[in-house]
N, C-alpha and C. Protein backbone atom coordinates (compact mmCIF):
# COMPACT_ATOMS: atom_id res chain seq x y z
N MET A 1 0.84 -1.18 0.00
CA MET A 1 0.00 0.00 0.00
C MET A 1 0.88 1.24 0.00
N GLU A 2 0.51 2.19 -0.80
CA GLU A 2 1.30 3.41 -0.93
C GLU A 2 0.69 4.53 -0.07
N TYR A 3 1.55 5.20 0.67
CA TYR A 3 1.14 6.34 1.50
C TYR A 3 1.78 7.60 0.93
N ILE A 4 1.10 8.72 1.13
CA ILE A 4 1.64 10.01 0.72
C ILE A 4 1.39 10.99 1.86
N SER A 5 2.36 11.83 2.13
CA SER A 5 2.24 12.77 3.25
C SER A 5 1.35 13.95 2.88
N ALA A 6 0.83 14.61 3.90
CA ALA A 6 0.01 15.80 3.69
C ALA A 6 0.81 16.88 2.97
N VAL A 7 2.06 17.03 3.32
CA VAL A 7 2.91 18.04 2.68
C VAL A 7 3.07 17.73 1.18
N GLU A 8 3.29 16.45 0.86
CA GLU A 8 3.43 16.07 -0.55
C GLU A 8 2.15 16.34 -1.34
N VAL A 9 1.01 16.00 -0.76
CA VAL A 9 -0.27 16.25 -1.44
C VAL A 9 -0.48 17.74 -1.62
N ASN A 10 -0.23 18.51 -0.59
CA ASN A 10 -0.39 19.96 -0.68
C ASN A 10 0.53 20.55 -1.74
N ASN A 11 1.77 20.07 -1.80
CA ASN A 11 2.70 20.55 -2.84
C ASN A 11 2.16 20.28 -4.23
N LYS A 12 1.60 19.10 -4.44
CA LYS A 12 1.02 18.77 -5.75
C LYS A 12 -0.13 19.71 -6.08
N ILE A 13 -1.00 19.95 -5.10
CA ILE A 13 -2.13 20.84 -5.32
C ILE A 13 -1.64 22.25 -5.64
N GLU A 14 -0.68 22.75 -4.86
CA GLU A 14 -0.17 24.10 -5.08
C GLU A 14 0.53 24.26 -6.42
N LYS A 15 1.16 23.19 -6.90
CA LYS A 15 1.84 23.23 -8.20
C LYS A 15 0.86 23.06 -9.36
N GLY A 16 -0.40 22.79 -9.04
CA GLY A 16 -1.40 22.59 -10.10
C GLY A 16 -1.37 21.21 -10.71
N GLU A 17 -0.70 20.28 -10.04
CA GLU A 17 -0.67 18.91 -10.55
C GLU A 17 -2.04 18.27 -10.33
N SER A 18 -2.41 17.40 -11.23
CA SER A 18 -3.69 16.71 -11.12
C SER A 18 -3.61 15.65 -10.04
N VAL A 19 -4.48 15.78 -9.06
CA VAL A 19 -4.60 14.81 -7.98
C VAL A 19 -6.03 14.92 -7.45
N GLN A 20 -6.62 13.79 -7.14
CA GLN A 20 -7.96 13.79 -6.56
C GLN A 20 -7.86 13.28 -5.13
N VAL A 21 -8.26 14.12 -4.17
CA VAL A 21 -8.27 13.70 -2.78
C VAL A 21 -9.72 13.42 -2.40
N ILE A 22 -9.96 12.21 -1.93
CA ILE A 22 -11.31 11.81 -1.54
C ILE A 22 -11.36 11.66 -0.03
N ASP A 23 -12.20 12.46 0.59
CA ASP A 23 -12.39 12.45 2.04
C ASP A 23 -13.55 11.51 2.34
N ILE A 24 -13.25 10.40 3.01
CA ILE A 24 -14.27 9.38 3.26
C ILE A 24 -14.91 9.49 4.64
N ARG A 25 -14.61 10.57 5.35
CA ARG A 25 -15.18 10.75 6.68
C ARG A 25 -16.69 10.99 6.59
N GLU A 26 -17.35 10.87 7.71
CA GLU A 26 -18.80 11.09 7.79
C GLU A 26 -19.11 12.58 7.74
N SER A 27 -20.33 12.92 7.38
CA SER A 27 -20.73 14.33 7.26
C SER A 27 -20.53 15.10 8.56
N TYR A 28 -20.83 14.47 9.69
CA TYR A 28 -20.66 15.18 10.96
C TYR A 28 -19.20 15.53 11.20
N GLU A 29 -18.28 14.72 10.67
CA GLU A 29 -16.85 15.02 10.82
C GLU A 29 -16.47 16.22 9.96
N LEU A 30 -17.07 16.32 8.77
CA LEU A 30 -16.81 17.47 7.92
C LEU A 30 -17.36 18.75 8.52
N ASP A 31 -18.43 18.63 9.32
CA ASP A 31 -18.96 19.80 10.00
C ASP A 31 -17.95 20.37 10.98
N ILE A 32 -17.06 19.53 11.49
CA ILE A 32 -16.02 19.97 12.42
C ILE A 32 -14.87 20.61 11.66
N CYS A 33 -14.38 19.93 10.64
CA CYS A 33 -13.31 20.48 9.81
C CYS A 33 -13.31 19.80 8.46
N LYS A 34 -13.09 20.61 7.43
CA LYS A 34 -13.01 20.04 6.08
C LYS A 34 -12.10 20.89 5.21
N VAL A 35 -11.62 20.24 4.15
CA VAL A 35 -10.79 20.92 3.16
C VAL A 35 -11.64 21.01 1.90
N ASP A 36 -11.91 22.22 1.46
CA ASP A 36 -12.85 22.43 0.36
C ASP A 36 -12.44 21.75 -0.94
N SER A 37 -11.15 21.60 -1.17
CA SER A 37 -10.70 21.00 -2.43
C SER A 37 -10.81 19.48 -2.45
N PHE A 38 -11.13 18.88 -1.30
CA PHE A 38 -11.28 17.42 -1.23
C PHE A 38 -12.70 17.04 -1.62
N LEU A 39 -12.84 15.96 -2.37
CA LEU A 39 -14.15 15.42 -2.72
C LEU A 39 -14.65 14.57 -1.57
N HIS A 40 -15.87 14.83 -1.11
CA HIS A 40 -16.43 14.06 -0.01
C HIS A 40 -17.27 12.91 -0.54
N ILE A 41 -16.82 11.69 -0.25
CA ILE A 41 -17.59 10.47 -0.50
C ILE A 41 -17.52 9.66 0.78
N PRO A 42 -18.59 9.65 1.57
CA PRO A 42 -18.55 8.87 2.82
C PRO A 42 -18.17 7.42 2.55
N MET A 43 -17.46 6.84 3.50
CA MET A 43 -16.96 5.47 3.35
C MET A 43 -18.05 4.51 2.88
N ALA A 44 -19.23 4.61 3.44
CA ALA A 44 -20.33 3.69 3.10
C ALA A 44 -20.82 3.87 1.67
N ASP A 45 -20.51 5.00 1.05
CA ASP A 45 -21.00 5.29 -0.30
C ASP A 45 -19.97 5.05 -1.41
N VAL A 46 -18.78 4.67 -1.05
CA VAL A 46 -17.70 4.56 -2.04
C VAL A 46 -18.09 3.65 -3.20
N GLU A 47 -18.60 2.47 -2.92
CA GLU A 47 -18.90 1.54 -4.02
C GLU A 47 -20.05 2.01 -4.90
N THR A 48 -20.98 2.77 -4.36
CA THR A 48 -22.08 3.26 -5.18
C THR A 48 -21.71 4.52 -5.95
N ARG A 49 -20.57 5.11 -5.61
CA ARG A 49 -20.13 6.33 -6.28
C ARG A 49 -18.78 6.16 -6.99
N LEU A 50 -18.50 4.93 -7.40
CA LEU A 50 -17.23 4.64 -8.08
C LEU A 50 -17.02 5.51 -9.31
N ASN A 51 -18.11 5.87 -9.98
CA ASN A 51 -18.01 6.68 -11.20
C ASN A 51 -17.40 8.06 -10.94
N GLU A 52 -17.36 8.50 -9.68
CA GLU A 52 -16.77 9.79 -9.34
C GLU A 52 -15.28 9.70 -9.07
N ILE A 53 -14.77 8.49 -8.95
CA ILE A 53 -13.35 8.30 -8.64
C ILE A 53 -12.58 8.22 -9.95
N ARG A 54 -11.66 9.13 -10.10
CA ARG A 54 -10.92 9.23 -11.36
C ARG A 54 -9.90 8.09 -11.49
N THR A 55 -9.68 7.71 -12.71
CA THR A 55 -8.69 6.67 -13.00
C THR A 55 -7.50 7.24 -13.76
N ASP A 56 -7.58 8.51 -14.14
CA ASP A 56 -6.54 9.14 -14.97
C ASP A 56 -5.56 10.00 -14.19
N VAL A 57 -5.77 10.12 -12.88
CA VAL A 57 -4.87 10.91 -12.04
C VAL A 57 -4.66 10.16 -10.73
N PRO A 58 -3.62 10.52 -9.97
CA PRO A 58 -3.45 9.92 -8.65
C PRO A 58 -4.65 10.24 -7.76
N VAL A 59 -5.11 9.24 -7.03
CA VAL A 59 -6.23 9.40 -6.10
C VAL A 59 -5.69 9.15 -4.69
N VAL A 60 -5.98 10.07 -3.79
CA VAL A 60 -5.54 9.97 -2.40
C VAL A 60 -6.77 9.84 -1.52
N ILE A 61 -6.82 8.79 -0.72
CA ILE A 61 -7.94 8.56 0.17
C ILE A 61 -7.60 9.13 1.55
N CYS A 62 -8.54 9.89 2.11
CA CYS A 62 -8.32 10.58 3.38
C CYS A 62 -9.44 10.26 4.36
N CYS A 63 -9.08 9.99 5.60
CA CYS A 63 -10.05 9.88 6.69
C CYS A 63 -9.48 10.70 7.86
N ARG A 64 -9.88 10.40 9.07
CA ARG A 64 -9.39 11.18 10.20
C ARG A 64 -7.91 10.89 10.47
N SER A 65 -7.56 9.60 10.58
CA SER A 65 -6.18 9.25 10.94
C SER A 65 -5.48 8.34 9.93
N GLY A 66 -6.22 7.72 9.04
CA GLY A 66 -5.63 6.84 8.04
C GLY A 66 -6.13 5.42 8.08
N LYS A 67 -6.78 5.01 9.15
CA LYS A 67 -7.21 3.61 9.29
C LYS A 67 -8.36 3.26 8.35
N ARG A 68 -9.38 4.09 8.29
CA ARG A 68 -10.50 3.83 7.36
C ARG A 68 -10.03 3.96 5.92
N ALA A 69 -9.12 4.89 5.68
CA ALA A 69 -8.60 5.07 4.33
C ALA A 69 -7.89 3.81 3.83
N LEU A 70 -7.21 3.12 4.72
CA LEU A 70 -6.55 1.87 4.35
C LEU A 70 -7.57 0.85 3.86
N ALA A 71 -8.68 0.72 4.57
CA ALA A 71 -9.72 -0.22 4.17
C ALA A 71 -10.31 0.14 2.80
N VAL A 72 -10.58 1.41 2.58
CA VAL A 72 -11.15 1.85 1.31
C VAL A 72 -10.14 1.70 0.17
N ALA A 73 -8.90 2.05 0.42
CA ALA A 73 -7.87 1.88 -0.61
C ALA A 73 -7.73 0.41 -1.00
N ASN A 74 -7.74 -0.46 -0.01
CA ASN A 74 -7.67 -1.90 -0.31
C ASN A 74 -8.86 -2.34 -1.14
N LEU A 75 -10.04 -1.88 -0.80
CA LEU A 75 -11.25 -2.21 -1.56
C LEU A 75 -11.11 -1.76 -3.01
N LEU A 76 -10.69 -0.53 -3.21
CA LEU A 76 -10.57 0.02 -4.55
C LEU A 76 -9.52 -0.72 -5.37
N MET A 77 -8.43 -1.08 -4.73
CA MET A 77 -7.35 -1.76 -5.45
C MET A 77 -7.68 -3.22 -5.71
N GLN A 78 -8.19 -3.92 -4.73
CA GLN A 78 -8.41 -5.35 -4.86
C GLN A 78 -9.72 -5.69 -5.58
N ASP A 79 -10.79 -5.01 -5.23
CA ASP A 79 -12.10 -5.37 -5.80
C ASP A 79 -12.42 -4.61 -7.08
N HIS A 80 -11.77 -3.48 -7.30
CA HIS A 80 -12.10 -2.66 -8.47
C HIS A 80 -10.89 -2.36 -9.35
N ASP A 81 -9.77 -3.01 -9.08
CA ASP A 81 -8.57 -2.95 -9.92
C ASP A 81 -8.04 -1.54 -10.18
N LEU A 82 -8.19 -0.66 -9.21
CA LEU A 82 -7.61 0.67 -9.36
C LEU A 82 -6.17 0.64 -8.86
N SER A 83 -5.27 1.11 -9.68
CA SER A 83 -3.86 1.09 -9.30
C SER A 83 -3.31 2.48 -8.99
N ASN A 84 -4.15 3.48 -9.08
CA ASN A 84 -3.72 4.88 -8.89
C ASN A 84 -4.07 5.42 -7.51
N VAL A 85 -4.27 4.52 -6.53
CA VAL A 85 -4.77 4.90 -5.22
C VAL A 85 -3.66 4.89 -4.17
N SER A 86 -3.64 5.92 -3.33
CA SER A 86 -2.76 5.95 -2.17
C SER A 86 -3.54 6.51 -0.99
N ILE A 87 -2.90 6.51 0.17
CA ILE A 87 -3.54 6.92 1.41
C ILE A 87 -2.84 8.16 1.94
N LEU A 88 -3.64 9.13 2.39
CA LEU A 88 -3.07 10.30 3.04
C LEU A 88 -2.57 9.87 4.41
N GLU A 89 -1.27 9.81 4.55
CA GLU A 89 -0.66 9.33 5.78
C GLU A 89 -1.02 10.25 6.95
N GLY A 90 -1.65 9.66 7.96
CA GLY A 90 -2.06 10.43 9.12
C GLY A 90 -3.39 11.15 8.97
N GLY A 91 -4.00 11.04 7.79
CA GLY A 91 -5.33 11.60 7.55
C GLY A 91 -5.43 13.10 7.77
N ILE A 92 -6.66 13.52 8.09
CA ILE A 92 -6.92 14.95 8.28
C ILE A 92 -6.16 15.49 9.49
N LEU A 93 -5.83 14.61 10.43
CA LEU A 93 -5.03 15.05 11.57
C LEU A 93 -3.65 15.52 11.10
N ALA A 94 -3.06 14.79 10.18
CA ALA A 94 -1.75 15.20 9.63
C ALA A 94 -1.90 16.45 8.77
N TRP A 95 -3.00 16.53 8.03
CA TRP A 95 -3.23 17.73 7.21
C TRP A 95 -3.29 18.96 8.12
N ARG A 96 -4.01 18.83 9.22
CA ARG A 96 -4.12 19.94 10.18
C ARG A 96 -2.75 20.28 10.76
N GLU A 97 -2.00 19.26 11.13
CA GLU A 97 -0.69 19.45 11.76
C GLU A 97 0.33 20.07 10.80
N ASP A 98 0.36 19.58 9.56
CA ASP A 98 1.45 19.93 8.64
C ASP A 98 1.10 20.95 7.57
N VAL A 99 -0.21 21.16 7.32
CA VAL A 99 -0.60 22.04 6.21
C VAL A 99 -1.48 23.20 6.67
N ASP A 100 -2.54 22.92 7.42
CA ASP A 100 -3.50 23.96 7.76
C ASP A 100 -3.92 23.84 9.22
N ASN A 101 -3.19 24.53 10.08
CA ASN A 101 -3.48 24.44 11.51
C ASN A 101 -4.66 25.28 11.94
N THR A 102 -5.36 25.88 10.97
CA THR A 102 -6.60 26.60 11.32
C THR A 102 -7.78 25.63 11.41
N LEU A 103 -7.61 24.41 10.91
CA LEU A 103 -8.68 23.42 11.02
C LEU A 103 -8.86 23.02 12.47
N GLU A 104 -10.11 22.79 12.85
CA GLU A 104 -10.40 22.38 14.22
C GLU A 104 -10.00 20.94 14.44
N ALA A 105 -9.36 20.66 15.55
CA ALA A 105 -8.97 19.28 15.90
C ALA A 105 -10.15 18.59 16.57
N TYR A 106 -10.22 17.30 16.34
CA TYR A 106 -11.25 16.49 17.02
C TYR A 106 -10.76 15.08 17.21
């Protein structure tokens, strides 16, 4: 499984590189803190919304800490043959710590 740091993802976004970050947290978690450029697909909806997951660019799966993202990344890679998937190491907690400390911690 491939992991990518929050700093690396942010650098790609700032450079204008194509990357899709999918936030799989629940809606109530996004009410606490969210990153507007991330696509929200709750974990339970991933399989019904596969058509929204790009296959032509790197896809980064994000949750709170990385544990749920691992499960979703495995699902996408093993059951749906996506090879462009990685996990945001440390999840939104790492994003808050390393990129945007204005986000509320929870």
